Amino acid sequence: MSDLILTTFDWVPDMPRGFVRDIRVRWALEEAGLPYTVKGVPFKERNAQHFAHQPFGQVPWLMDGDISIFESGAILLHIGELSSKLLPTDPRGRSEVLEWLFAALNSVEMASLPWSIFKFSDASFETPELVRLQAFLSARLQHMESVLTDREWLAGAFSIADILMADVLRLIERLGGLTEYPACRAYVVRAIARPAFQKAHADQMAHFAKAD
């Protein structure tokens, strides 16, 4: 296996620290026990090389030899294929993890992201737009609450699906959106108590703090 190189920003403002999506990759690599190095790219000036690796000018991306992978879901899938700790090799187990991996992105994060942006804008008053976004997110969280009431993890053992879903849900929790969903909150607590997350979080915070 080639050396794995994770690229993220060299600095971000205080508010998103701990939630920049390279944490999903760090977490997965720590869970899998795969060695990796971290490189930084400028936050304010994104050059052609940056866009060559990440067409939207975002982070992270992962280099595995001459393979460059962007989008956190795709990177997690790649890491899962490098380690059976995070992605089962049997067809049924693999399919269960993959369906929840994509559910985290397409069903839950898709509903939570516009709501999160609105909340980050410090909107302290109720508007028709916020009411609609809240209703959309609440419908998805109600389904997740039902699922997580009877499960420790989404697809049996802890997997890349849990890394992605827990990271999506913990941002909602940060913004006060899980108050009415105790099973979702307990799931997030379980996930972030894992040593691999704790190390990934501490490493990300230290990485951005170096540039202050």
N, C-alpha and C. Protein backbone atom coordinates (compact mmCIF):
# COMPACT_ATOMS: atom_id res chain seq x y z
N MET A 1 0.83 -1.19 0.00
CA MET A 1 0.00 0.00 0.00
C MET A 1 0.87 1.25 0.00
N SER A 2 0.50 2.25 -0.79
CA SER A 2 1.25 3.49 -0.88
C SER A 2 1.03 4.33 0.38
N ASP A 3 1.89 5.33 0.55
CA ASP A 3 1.70 6.27 1.64
C ASP A 3 0.40 7.05 1.41
N LEU A 4 -0.39 7.22 2.47
CA LEU A 4 -1.63 7.96 2.38
C LEU A 4 -1.38 9.39 2.84
N ILE A 5 -1.79 10.35 2.02
CA ILE A 5 -1.60 11.76 2.34
C ILE A 5 -2.96 12.44 2.33
N LEU A 6 -3.34 12.98 3.47
CA LEU A 6 -4.59 13.71 3.62
C LEU A 6 -4.30 15.20 3.50
N THR A 7 -5.03 15.86 2.63
CA THR A 7 -4.86 17.30 2.46
C THR A 7 -6.08 18.03 2.96
N THR A 8 -5.84 19.06 3.78
CA THR A 8 -6.90 19.91 4.30
C THR A 8 -6.40 21.35 4.27
N PHE A 9 -7.22 22.28 4.73
CA PHE A 9 -6.77 23.66 4.77
C PHE A 9 -5.68 23.83 5.83
N ASP A 10 -4.83 24.84 5.64
CA ASP A 10 -3.79 25.11 6.62
C ASP A 10 -4.34 25.91 7.80
N TRP A 11 -5.51 26.53 7.61
CA TRP A 11 -6.14 27.35 8.65
C TRP A 11 -7.61 27.54 8.29
N VAL A 12 -8.46 27.60 9.30
CA VAL A 12 -9.86 28.00 9.12
C VAL A 12 -10.24 28.88 10.31
N PRO A 13 -11.30 29.68 10.20
CA PRO A 13 -11.76 30.46 11.35
C PRO A 13 -12.18 29.55 12.51
N ASP A 14 -12.36 30.15 13.67
CA ASP A 14 -12.66 29.37 14.86
C ASP A 14 -13.95 28.56 14.74
N MET A 15 -15.00 29.14 14.17
CA MET A 15 -16.31 28.50 14.19
C MET A 15 -16.33 27.09 13.61
N PRO A 16 -15.75 26.85 12.43
CA PRO A 16 -15.83 25.48 11.87
C PRO A 16 -14.80 24.50 12.40
N ARG A 17 -13.90 24.95 13.25
CA ARG A 17 -12.86 24.02 13.74
C ARG A 17 -13.51 22.88 14.53
N GLY A 18 -13.02 21.69 14.27
CA GLY A 18 -13.62 20.50 14.86
C GLY A 18 -14.69 19.88 13.99
N PHE A 19 -15.10 20.63 12.93
CA PHE A 19 -16.16 20.14 12.05
C PHE A 19 -15.76 20.14 10.58
N VAL A 20 -14.57 20.62 10.25
CA VAL A 20 -14.10 20.55 8.86
C VAL A 20 -14.04 19.08 8.47
N ARG A 21 -14.43 18.77 7.25
CA ARG A 21 -14.69 17.37 6.90
C ARG A 21 -13.47 16.47 6.80
N ASP A 22 -12.29 17.05 6.89
CA ASP A 22 -11.14 16.15 6.99
C ASP A 22 -11.20 15.32 8.26
N ILE A 23 -12.02 15.74 9.24
CA ILE A 23 -12.12 14.95 10.46
C ILE A 23 -12.72 13.58 10.19
N ARG A 24 -13.58 13.47 9.20
CA ARG A 24 -14.15 12.17 8.85
C ARG A 24 -13.04 11.23 8.36
N VAL A 25 -12.14 11.78 7.58
CA VAL A 25 -11.05 10.97 7.04
C VAL A 25 -10.05 10.61 8.13
N ARG A 26 -9.68 11.60 8.93
CA ARG A 26 -8.78 11.32 10.06
C ARG A 26 -9.36 10.21 10.94
N TRP A 27 -10.64 10.32 11.25
CA TRP A 27 -11.31 9.36 12.11
C TRP A 27 -11.23 7.96 11.52
N ALA A 28 -11.57 7.85 10.24
CA ALA A 28 -11.54 6.54 9.58
C ALA A 28 -10.13 5.95 9.56
N LEU A 29 -9.15 6.77 9.27
CA LEU A 29 -7.77 6.28 9.22
C LEU A 29 -7.30 5.83 10.61
N GLU A 30 -7.72 6.56 11.64
CA GLU A 30 -7.37 6.15 13.00
C GLU A 30 -8.06 4.84 13.37
N GLU A 31 -9.32 4.71 13.03
CA GLU A 31 -10.05 3.47 13.32
C GLU A 31 -9.42 2.28 12.62
N ALA A 32 -9.00 2.51 11.39
CA ALA A 32 -8.42 1.43 10.58
C ALA A 32 -6.97 1.14 10.95
N GLY A 33 -6.34 2.04 11.68
CA GLY A 33 -4.93 1.86 12.02
C GLY A 33 -4.00 2.03 10.83
N LEU A 34 -4.40 2.86 9.88
CA LEU A 34 -3.59 3.07 8.68
C LEU A 34 -2.71 4.31 8.86
N PRO A 35 -1.41 4.20 8.60
CA PRO A 35 -0.53 5.37 8.73
C PRO A 35 -0.82 6.39 7.64
N TYR A 36 -0.70 7.67 8.01
CA TYR A 36 -0.97 8.73 7.04
C TYR A 36 -0.26 10.00 7.48
N THR A 37 -0.10 10.91 6.55
CA THR A 37 0.43 12.23 6.84
C THR A 37 -0.60 13.27 6.41
N VAL A 38 -0.49 14.45 6.99
CA VAL A 38 -1.43 15.53 6.70
C VAL A 38 -0.69 16.69 6.08
N LYS A 39 -1.23 17.23 4.99
CA LYS A 39 -0.67 18.41 4.34
C LYS A 39 -1.71 19.51 4.34
N GLY A 40 -1.25 20.75 4.38
CA GLY A 40 -2.15 21.88 4.35
C GLY A 40 -2.07 22.64 3.04
N VAL A 41 -3.21 23.21 2.63
CA VAL A 41 -3.26 24.11 1.47
C VAL A 41 -3.89 25.41 1.94
N PRO A 42 -3.57 26.52 1.30
CA PRO A 42 -4.07 27.82 1.75
C PRO A 42 -5.59 27.89 1.76
N PHE A 43 -6.12 28.47 2.82
CA PHE A 43 -7.56 28.65 2.95
C PHE A 43 -8.05 29.80 2.07
N LYS A 44 -7.26 30.84 1.96
CA LYS A 44 -7.73 32.05 1.29
C LYS A 44 -7.40 32.10 -0.20
N GLU A 45 -6.31 31.48 -0.60
CA GLU A 45 -5.91 31.53 -2.00
C GLU A 45 -5.81 30.12 -2.55
N ARG A 46 -6.79 29.74 -3.34
CA ARG A 46 -6.86 28.36 -3.86
C ARG A 46 -6.41 28.35 -5.31
N ASN A 47 -5.31 27.69 -5.55
CA ASN A 47 -4.69 27.76 -6.87
C ASN A 47 -5.18 26.64 -7.78
N ALA A 48 -4.61 26.60 -8.97
CA ALA A 48 -5.03 25.62 -9.97
C ALA A 48 -4.79 24.19 -9.51
N GLN A 49 -3.69 23.98 -8.78
CA GLN A 49 -3.41 22.63 -8.30
C GLN A 49 -4.48 22.16 -7.32
N HIS A 50 -4.94 23.09 -6.48
CA HIS A 50 -6.02 22.75 -5.55
C HIS A 50 -7.25 22.29 -6.33
N PHE A 51 -7.66 23.08 -7.32
CA PHE A 51 -8.85 22.73 -8.10
C PHE A 51 -8.66 21.47 -8.93
N ALA A 52 -7.42 21.14 -9.24
CA ALA A 52 -7.16 19.90 -9.96
C ALA A 52 -7.48 18.68 -9.10
N HIS A 53 -7.28 18.81 -7.79
CA HIS A 53 -7.58 17.71 -6.87
C HIS A 53 -9.01 17.78 -6.35
N GLN A 54 -9.54 18.99 -6.17
CA GLN A 54 -10.88 19.17 -5.62
C GLN A 54 -11.58 20.23 -6.47
N PRO A 55 -12.41 19.83 -7.44
CA PRO A 55 -12.96 20.76 -8.42
C PRO A 55 -13.78 21.91 -7.85
N PHE A 56 -14.21 21.78 -6.58
CA PHE A 56 -15.03 22.82 -5.97
C PHE A 56 -14.23 23.70 -5.01
N GLY A 57 -12.92 23.47 -4.95
CA GLY A 57 -12.08 24.28 -4.10
C GLY A 57 -12.23 23.99 -2.63
N GLN A 58 -12.76 22.82 -2.31
CA GLN A 58 -12.98 22.45 -0.93
C GLN A 58 -11.88 21.49 -0.44
N VAL A 59 -12.05 20.99 0.77
CA VAL A 59 -11.21 19.93 1.33
C VAL A 59 -12.16 18.94 2.00
N PRO A 60 -11.69 17.71 2.22
CA PRO A 60 -10.33 17.21 2.01
C PRO A 60 -10.20 16.50 0.68
N TRP A 61 -8.97 16.08 0.40
CA TRP A 61 -8.75 15.02 -0.57
C TRP A 61 -7.67 14.10 -0.03
N LEU A 62 -7.64 12.89 -0.55
CA LEU A 62 -6.69 11.88 -0.10
C LEU A 62 -5.89 11.39 -1.28
N MET A 63 -4.58 11.34 -1.10
CA MET A 63 -3.70 10.75 -2.10
C MET A 63 -3.29 9.36 -1.62
N ASP A 64 -3.49 8.38 -2.47
CA ASP A 64 -3.03 7.01 -2.23
C ASP A 64 -2.16 6.65 -3.42
N GLY A 65 -0.86 6.89 -3.29
CA GLY A 65 0.02 6.73 -4.45
C GLY A 65 -0.33 7.76 -5.50
N ASP A 66 -0.66 7.31 -6.70
CA ASP A 66 -1.02 8.25 -7.77
C ASP A 66 -2.53 8.43 -7.90
N ILE A 67 -3.27 7.91 -6.93
CA ILE A 67 -4.73 8.07 -6.91
C ILE A 67 -5.08 9.25 -6.01
N SER A 68 -5.85 10.19 -6.56
CA SER A 68 -6.31 11.34 -5.80
C SER A 68 -7.83 11.26 -5.69
N ILE A 69 -8.34 11.27 -4.47
CA ILE A 69 -9.78 11.09 -4.23
C ILE A 69 -10.33 12.28 -3.46
N PHE A 70 -11.40 12.89 -3.96
CA PHE A 70 -12.07 13.95 -3.23
C PHE A 70 -13.49 13.50 -2.86
N GLU A 71 -14.15 14.28 -2.04
CA GLU A 71 -15.45 14.02 -1.42
C GLU A 71 -15.30 13.01 -0.28
N SER A 72 -15.76 13.42 0.89
CA SER A 72 -15.52 12.61 2.09
C SER A 72 -16.15 11.22 1.99
N GLY A 73 -17.32 11.11 1.38
CA GLY A 73 -17.94 9.79 1.25
C GLY A 73 -17.11 8.85 0.39
N ALA A 74 -16.60 9.37 -0.72
CA ALA A 74 -15.76 8.56 -1.60
C ALA A 74 -14.46 8.17 -0.90
N ILE A 75 -13.91 9.09 -0.13
CA ILE A 75 -12.67 8.79 0.60
C ILE A 75 -12.92 7.71 1.64
N LEU A 76 -14.03 7.81 2.37
CA LEU A 76 -14.34 6.80 3.38
C LEU A 76 -14.52 5.43 2.74
N LEU A 77 -15.16 5.39 1.59
CA LEU A 77 -15.33 4.12 0.89
C LEU A 77 -13.97 3.55 0.51
N HIS A 78 -13.06 4.38 0.04
CA HIS A 78 -11.71 3.92 -0.31
C HIS A 78 -11.00 3.36 0.91
N ILE A 79 -11.11 4.05 2.03
CA ILE A 79 -10.47 3.58 3.26
C ILE A 79 -11.10 2.26 3.70
N GLY A 80 -12.43 2.16 3.57
CA GLY A 80 -13.10 0.91 3.92
C GLY A 80 -12.60 -0.26 3.09
N GLU A 81 -12.28 0.00 1.84
CA GLU A 81 -11.77 -1.06 0.99
C GLU A 81 -10.33 -1.44 1.34
N LEU A 82 -9.65 -0.57 2.09
CA LEU A 82 -8.30 -0.88 2.56
C LEU A 82 -8.31 -1.61 3.89
N SER A 83 -9.44 -1.59 4.58
CA SER A 83 -9.50 -2.18 5.91
C SER A 83 -10.87 -2.78 6.18
N SER A 84 -10.91 -4.07 6.44
CA SER A 84 -12.17 -4.74 6.75
C SER A 84 -12.71 -4.34 8.12
N LYS A 85 -11.93 -3.58 8.90
CA LYS A 85 -12.44 -3.08 10.19
C LYS A 85 -13.62 -2.14 10.00
N LEU A 86 -13.68 -1.50 8.84
CA LEU A 86 -14.70 -0.48 8.62
C LEU A 86 -15.68 -0.82 7.51
N LEU A 87 -15.42 -1.87 6.76
CA LEU A 87 -16.31 -2.28 5.68
C LEU A 87 -16.23 -3.79 5.53
N PRO A 88 -17.33 -4.49 5.82
CA PRO A 88 -17.30 -5.95 5.73
C PRO A 88 -16.99 -6.42 4.31
N THR A 89 -16.45 -7.61 4.23
CA THR A 89 -16.14 -8.17 2.91
C THR A 89 -17.28 -9.04 2.36
N ASP A 90 -18.18 -9.49 3.24
CA ASP A 90 -19.29 -10.31 2.73
C ASP A 90 -20.32 -9.39 2.06
N PRO A 91 -20.96 -9.88 0.99
CA PRO A 91 -21.86 -9.03 0.19
C PRO A 91 -23.00 -8.39 1.00
N ARG A 92 -23.62 -9.15 1.89
CA ARG A 92 -24.74 -8.59 2.65
C ARG A 92 -24.26 -7.49 3.60
N GLY A 93 -23.19 -7.77 4.34
CA GLY A 93 -22.66 -6.77 5.27
C GLY A 93 -22.19 -5.53 4.55
N ARG A 94 -21.53 -5.72 3.42
CA ARG A 94 -21.04 -4.59 2.64
C ARG A 94 -22.20 -3.73 2.14
N SER A 95 -23.24 -4.36 1.63
CA SER A 95 -24.37 -3.60 1.09
C SER A 95 -25.09 -2.82 2.19
N GLU A 96 -25.17 -3.38 3.39
CA GLU A 96 -25.82 -2.67 4.49
C GLU A 96 -25.03 -1.43 4.89
N VAL A 97 -23.71 -1.57 4.93
CA VAL A 97 -22.89 -0.40 5.25
C VAL A 97 -23.03 0.66 4.16
N LEU A 98 -22.98 0.25 2.91
CA LEU A 98 -23.02 1.22 1.81
C LEU A 98 -24.35 1.95 1.74
N GLU A 99 -25.46 1.25 2.02
CA GLU A 99 -26.74 1.95 1.95
C GLU A 99 -26.84 3.03 3.03
N TRP A 100 -26.27 2.75 4.21
CA TRP A 100 -26.30 3.75 5.27
C TRP A 100 -25.27 4.85 5.03
N LEU A 101 -24.17 4.52 4.38
CA LEU A 101 -23.21 5.55 4.00
C LEU A 101 -23.87 6.58 3.10
N PHE A 102 -24.58 6.10 2.10
CA PHE A 102 -25.24 7.01 1.17
C PHE A 102 -26.46 7.68 1.80
N ALA A 103 -27.11 7.00 2.73
CA ALA A 103 -28.23 7.62 3.44
C ALA A 103 -27.76 8.82 4.25
N ALA A 104 -26.58 8.69 4.88
CA ALA A 104 -26.04 9.81 5.65
C ALA A 104 -25.85 11.03 4.75
N LEU A 105 -25.37 10.81 3.54
CA LEU A 105 -25.12 11.92 2.62
C LEU A 105 -26.40 12.42 1.95
N ASN A 106 -27.20 11.50 1.43
CA ASN A 106 -28.31 11.89 0.55
C ASN A 106 -29.63 12.11 1.26
N SER A 107 -29.81 11.51 2.43
CA SER A 107 -31.08 11.67 3.14
C SER A 107 -30.96 12.58 4.36
N VAL A 108 -29.86 12.48 5.10
CA VAL A 108 -29.75 13.25 6.35
C VAL A 108 -28.95 14.54 6.14
N GLU A 109 -27.74 14.44 5.59
CA GLU A 109 -26.96 15.66 5.39
C GLU A 109 -27.62 16.58 4.37
N MET A 110 -28.25 16.01 3.39
CA MET A 110 -28.94 16.83 2.40
C MET A 110 -30.04 17.68 3.04
N ALA A 111 -30.68 17.13 4.10
CA ALA A 111 -31.70 17.88 4.82
C ALA A 111 -31.09 18.82 5.86
N SER A 112 -29.98 18.42 6.45
CA SER A 112 -29.40 19.20 7.54
C SER A 112 -28.57 20.38 7.06
N LEU A 113 -27.96 20.29 5.89
CA LEU A 113 -27.02 21.32 5.47
C LEU A 113 -27.69 22.69 5.26
N PRO A 114 -28.80 22.79 4.52
CA PRO A 114 -29.42 24.13 4.39
C PRO A 114 -29.91 24.68 5.73
N TRP A 115 -30.42 23.80 6.58
CA TRP A 115 -30.84 24.21 7.93
C TRP A 115 -29.64 24.73 8.72
N SER A 116 -28.50 24.03 8.63
CA SER A 116 -27.30 24.43 9.36
C SER A 116 -26.80 25.78 8.88
N ILE A 117 -26.81 26.00 7.58
CA ILE A 117 -26.36 27.28 7.04
C ILE A 117 -27.23 28.41 7.57
N PHE A 118 -28.53 28.17 7.60
CA PHE A 118 -29.46 29.16 8.11
C PHE A 118 -29.18 29.45 9.58
N LYS A 119 -28.93 28.38 10.36
CA LYS A 119 -28.66 28.55 11.79
C LYS A 119 -27.34 29.27 12.02
N PHE A 120 -26.33 28.97 11.21
CA PHE A 120 -25.04 29.64 11.35
C PHE A 120 -25.13 31.13 11.02
N SER A 121 -26.19 31.52 10.29
CA SER A 121 -26.34 32.93 9.94
C SER A 121 -26.86 33.75 11.11
N ASP A 122 -27.03 33.10 12.28
CA ASP A 122 -27.50 33.77 13.50
C ASP A 122 -28.92 34.28 13.37
N ALA A 123 -29.72 33.58 12.60
CA ALA A 123 -31.13 33.95 12.49
C ALA A 123 -31.83 33.60 13.80
N SER A 124 -32.25 34.59 14.52
CA SER A 124 -32.87 34.37 15.83
C SER A 124 -34.38 34.53 15.79
N PHE A 125 -34.93 34.64 14.60
CA PHE A 125 -36.37 34.81 14.47
C PHE A 125 -36.90 33.74 13.52
N GLU A 126 -38.17 33.45 13.69
CA GLU A 126 -38.78 32.39 12.88
C GLU A 126 -39.28 32.99 11.57
N THR A 127 -38.88 32.38 10.49
CA THR A 127 -39.32 32.79 9.16
C THR A 127 -39.96 31.60 8.46
N PRO A 128 -40.76 31.84 7.45
CA PRO A 128 -41.33 30.71 6.71
C PRO A 128 -40.27 29.77 6.15
N GLU A 129 -39.14 30.34 5.73
CA GLU A 129 -38.06 29.52 5.17
C GLU A 129 -37.48 28.59 6.24
N LEU A 130 -37.23 29.14 7.42
CA LEU A 130 -36.68 28.32 8.49
C LEU A 130 -37.66 27.26 8.94
N VAL A 131 -38.93 27.60 8.99
CA VAL A 131 -39.96 26.62 9.37
C VAL A 131 -39.97 25.45 8.39
N ARG A 132 -39.87 25.75 7.11
CA ARG A 132 -39.86 24.68 6.11
C ARG A 132 -38.60 23.82 6.22
N LEU A 133 -37.46 24.47 6.42
CA LEU A 133 -36.22 23.71 6.57
C LEU A 133 -36.25 22.84 7.82
N GLN A 134 -36.80 23.38 8.91
CA GLN A 134 -36.90 22.62 10.15
C GLN A 134 -37.80 21.41 9.98
N ALA A 135 -38.92 21.59 9.27
CA ALA A 135 -39.86 20.49 9.05
C ALA A 135 -39.22 19.39 8.20
N PHE A 136 -38.45 19.80 7.20
CA PHE A 136 -37.78 18.83 6.34
C PHE A 136 -36.77 18.02 7.14
N LEU A 137 -35.95 18.72 7.94
CA LEU A 137 -34.97 18.03 8.76
C LEU A 137 -35.64 17.16 9.81
N SER A 138 -36.68 17.65 10.45
CA SER A 138 -37.36 16.89 11.50
C SER A 138 -37.90 15.57 10.97
N ALA A 139 -38.41 15.58 9.75
CA ALA A 139 -38.93 14.34 9.16
C ALA A 139 -37.82 13.30 9.05
N ARG A 140 -36.63 13.73 8.64
CA ARG A 140 -35.52 12.80 8.51
C ARG A 140 -35.03 12.32 9.89
N LEU A 141 -34.99 13.23 10.84
CA LEU A 141 -34.53 12.86 12.18
C LEU A 141 -35.51 11.92 12.88
N GLN A 142 -36.77 12.06 12.60
CA GLN A 142 -37.75 11.13 13.17
C GLN A 142 -37.49 9.70 12.69
N HIS A 143 -37.16 9.57 11.42
CA HIS A 143 -36.83 8.24 10.89
C HIS A 143 -35.55 7.71 11.53
N MET A 144 -34.54 8.57 11.69
CA MET A 144 -33.29 8.14 12.31
C MET A 144 -33.50 7.77 13.77
N GLU A 145 -34.36 8.50 14.44
CA GLU A 145 -34.65 8.18 15.84
C GLU A 145 -35.23 6.78 15.96
N SER A 146 -36.12 6.45 15.05
CA SER A 146 -36.72 5.11 15.05
C SER A 146 -35.68 4.03 14.80
N VAL A 147 -34.78 4.28 13.88
CA VAL A 147 -33.73 3.31 13.57
C VAL A 147 -32.78 3.13 14.75
N LEU A 148 -32.34 4.23 15.33
CA LEU A 148 -31.29 4.18 16.34
C LEU A 148 -31.80 3.79 17.73
N THR A 149 -33.08 3.77 17.90
CA THR A 149 -33.63 3.34 19.19
C THR A 149 -33.24 1.90 19.51
N ASP A 150 -33.13 1.06 18.48
CA ASP A 150 -32.87 -0.36 18.68
C ASP A 150 -31.49 -0.80 18.21
N ARG A 151 -30.60 0.14 17.88
CA ARG A 151 -29.29 -0.24 17.35
C ARG A 151 -28.17 0.51 18.05
N GLU A 152 -27.07 -0.19 18.24
CA GLU A 152 -25.86 0.49 18.70
C GLU A 152 -25.21 1.21 17.54
N TRP A 153 -25.04 0.48 16.42
CA TRP A 153 -24.47 1.03 15.20
C TRP A 153 -25.40 0.70 14.04
N LEU A 154 -25.20 1.34 12.91
CA LEU A 154 -26.17 1.26 11.83
C LEU A 154 -26.25 -0.09 11.15
N ALA A 155 -25.11 -0.75 10.99
CA ALA A 155 -25.08 -1.98 10.20
C ALA A 155 -24.29 -3.06 10.92
N GLY A 156 -24.65 -3.33 12.16
CA GLY A 156 -23.93 -4.33 12.93
C GLY A 156 -22.75 -3.70 13.64
N ALA A 157 -21.54 -4.06 13.21
CA ALA A 157 -20.33 -3.48 13.81
C ALA A 157 -20.14 -2.04 13.34
N PHE A 158 -19.37 -1.28 14.11
CA PHE A 158 -19.04 0.10 13.74
C PHE A 158 -18.38 0.11 12.36
N SER A 159 -18.75 1.09 11.54
CA SER A 159 -18.28 1.10 10.15
C SER A 159 -18.12 2.52 9.64
N ILE A 160 -17.71 2.64 8.38
CA ILE A 160 -17.61 3.95 7.75
C ILE A 160 -18.96 4.66 7.72
N ALA A 161 -20.05 3.90 7.68
CA ALA A 161 -21.38 4.51 7.70
C ALA A 161 -21.60 5.26 9.01
N ASP A 162 -21.12 4.71 10.11
CA ASP A 162 -21.29 5.37 11.40
C ASP A 162 -20.42 6.62 11.50
N ILE A 163 -19.23 6.58 10.93
CA ILE A 163 -18.39 7.78 10.93
C ILE A 163 -19.11 8.92 10.23
N LEU A 164 -19.68 8.63 9.09
CA LEU A 164 -20.34 9.68 8.32
C LEU A 164 -21.64 10.13 8.98
N MET A 165 -22.47 9.19 9.40
CA MET A 165 -23.74 9.56 10.01
C MET A 165 -23.53 10.31 11.32
N ALA A 166 -22.61 9.83 12.15
CA ALA A 166 -22.36 10.49 13.43
C ALA A 166 -21.83 11.90 13.22
N ASP A 167 -20.99 12.09 12.20
CA ASP A 167 -20.46 13.42 11.95
C ASP A 167 -21.55 14.37 11.47
N VAL A 168 -22.46 13.87 10.65
CA VAL A 168 -23.60 14.68 10.23
C VAL A 168 -24.47 15.06 11.43
N LEU A 169 -24.76 14.09 12.27
CA LEU A 169 -25.65 14.33 13.40
C LEU A 169 -25.02 15.22 14.47
N ARG A 170 -23.69 15.13 14.63
CA ARG A 170 -23.09 15.93 15.71
C ARG A 170 -23.11 17.42 15.37
N LEU A 171 -23.11 17.79 14.09
CA LEU A 171 -23.28 19.20 13.74
C LEU A 171 -24.69 19.66 14.06
N ILE A 172 -25.67 18.80 13.78
CA ILE A 172 -27.05 19.14 14.15
C ILE A 172 -27.16 19.31 15.66
N GLU A 173 -26.50 18.43 16.41
CA GLU A 173 -26.50 18.53 17.86
C GLU A 173 -25.85 19.83 18.32
N ARG A 174 -24.76 20.21 17.70
CA ARG A 174 -24.08 21.46 18.08
C ARG A 174 -25.02 22.65 17.94
N LEU A 175 -25.89 22.61 16.96
CA LEU A 175 -26.80 23.72 16.70
C LEU A 175 -28.15 23.54 17.38
N GLY A 176 -28.22 22.58 18.31
CA GLY A 176 -29.43 22.41 19.10
C GLY A 176 -30.55 21.66 18.43
N GLY A 177 -30.24 20.91 17.39
CA GLY A 177 -31.29 20.26 16.61
C GLY A 177 -31.66 18.86 17.04
N LEU A 178 -30.99 18.29 18.05
CA LEU A 178 -31.30 16.91 18.46
C LEU A 178 -31.99 16.85 19.82
N THR A 179 -32.47 17.97 20.30
CA THR A 179 -33.08 18.02 21.63
C THR A 179 -34.21 17.02 21.79
N GLU A 180 -34.99 16.84 20.76
CA GLU A 180 -36.17 15.96 20.82
C GLU A 180 -35.87 14.55 20.33
N TYR A 181 -34.58 14.23 20.14
CA TYR A 181 -34.22 12.93 19.57
C TYR A 181 -33.17 12.24 20.45
N PRO A 182 -33.59 11.66 21.57
CA PRO A 182 -32.62 11.09 22.52
C PRO A 182 -31.79 9.94 21.96
N ALA A 183 -32.37 9.12 21.09
CA ALA A 183 -31.60 8.00 20.53
C ALA A 183 -30.51 8.53 19.60
N CYS A 184 -30.81 9.57 18.84
CA CYS A 184 -29.81 10.18 17.97
C CYS A 184 -28.70 10.80 18.81
N ARG A 185 -29.07 11.47 19.87
CA ARG A 185 -28.06 12.09 20.74
C ARG A 185 -27.17 11.03 21.38
N ALA A 186 -27.77 9.95 21.85
CA ALA A 186 -26.98 8.89 22.48
C ALA A 186 -26.04 8.24 21.48
N TYR A 187 -26.47 8.12 20.24
CA TYR A 187 -25.63 7.57 19.17
C TYR A 187 -24.41 8.45 18.94
N VAL A 188 -24.63 9.75 18.88
CA VAL A 188 -23.52 10.68 18.71
C VAL A 188 -22.55 10.58 19.88
N VAL A 189 -23.07 10.52 21.09
CA VAL A 189 -22.22 10.40 22.28
C VAL A 189 -21.37 9.14 22.22
N ARG A 190 -21.98 8.02 21.83
CA ARG A 190 -21.23 6.76 21.71
C ARG A 190 -20.11 6.90 20.69
N ALA A 191 -20.44 7.50 19.57
CA ALA A 191 -19.48 7.58 18.47
C ALA A 191 -18.29 8.47 18.83
N ILE A 192 -18.56 9.64 19.38
CA ILE A 192 -17.46 10.57 19.63
C ILE A 192 -16.66 10.20 20.88
N ALA A 193 -17.16 9.22 21.65
CA ALA A 193 -16.38 8.72 22.78
C ALA A 193 -15.28 7.76 22.34
N ARG A 194 -15.33 7.31 21.09
CA ARG A 194 -14.34 6.37 20.60
C ARG A 194 -12.96 7.03 20.55
N PRO A 195 -11.91 6.32 20.98
CA PRO A 195 -10.57 6.91 20.99
C PRO A 195 -10.13 7.46 19.63
N ALA A 196 -10.54 6.80 18.56
CA ALA A 196 -10.13 7.26 17.23
C ALA A 196 -10.72 8.63 16.93
N PHE A 197 -11.97 8.86 17.32
CA PHE A 197 -12.54 10.20 17.11
C PHE A 197 -11.83 11.22 17.98
N GLN A 198 -11.59 10.87 19.23
CA GLN A 198 -10.95 11.81 20.13
C GLN A 198 -9.59 12.26 19.60
N LYS A 199 -8.84 11.31 19.05
CA LYS A 199 -7.53 11.67 18.48
C LYS A 199 -7.70 12.51 17.22
N ALA A 200 -8.63 12.11 16.36
CA ALA A 200 -8.86 12.86 15.12
C ALA A 200 -9.26 14.29 15.42
N HIS A 201 -10.13 14.47 16.38
CA HIS A 201 -10.60 15.80 16.75
C HIS A 201 -9.44 16.64 17.31
N ALA A 202 -8.69 16.06 18.24
CA ALA A 202 -7.56 16.78 18.83
C ALA A 202 -6.53 17.15 17.77
N ASP A 203 -6.27 16.24 16.84
CA ASP A 203 -5.29 16.51 15.79
C ASP A 203 -5.76 17.62 14.86
N GLN A 204 -7.05 17.62 14.52
CA GLN A 204 -7.55 18.69 13.66
C GLN A 204 -7.45 20.04 14.35
N MET A 205 -7.85 20.10 15.60
CA MET A 205 -7.79 21.36 16.34
C MET A 205 -6.34 21.85 16.43
N ALA A 206 -5.41 20.95 16.69
CA ALA A 206 -4.00 21.34 16.79
C ALA A 206 -3.46 21.81 15.44
N HIS A 207 -3.89 21.15 14.38
CA HIS A 207 -3.44 21.51 13.03
C HIS A 207 -3.82 22.95 12.70
N PHE A 208 -5.07 23.33 12.96
CA PHE A 208 -5.50 24.70 12.64
C PHE A 208 -4.90 25.71 13.62
N ALA A 209 -4.70 25.31 14.85
CA ALA A 209 -4.15 26.23 15.85
C ALA A 209 -2.71 26.63 15.52
N LYS A 210 -1.99 25.76 14.83
CA LYS A 210 -0.59 26.07 14.50
C LYS A 210 -0.47 27.31 13.64
N ALA A 211 -1.50 27.60 12.87
CA ALA A 211 -1.43 28.73 11.93
C ALA A 211 -1.93 30.04 12.53
N ASP A 212 -2.41 30.01 13.76
CA ASP A 212 -2.92 31.24 14.40
C ASP A 212 -1.79 32.23 14.68
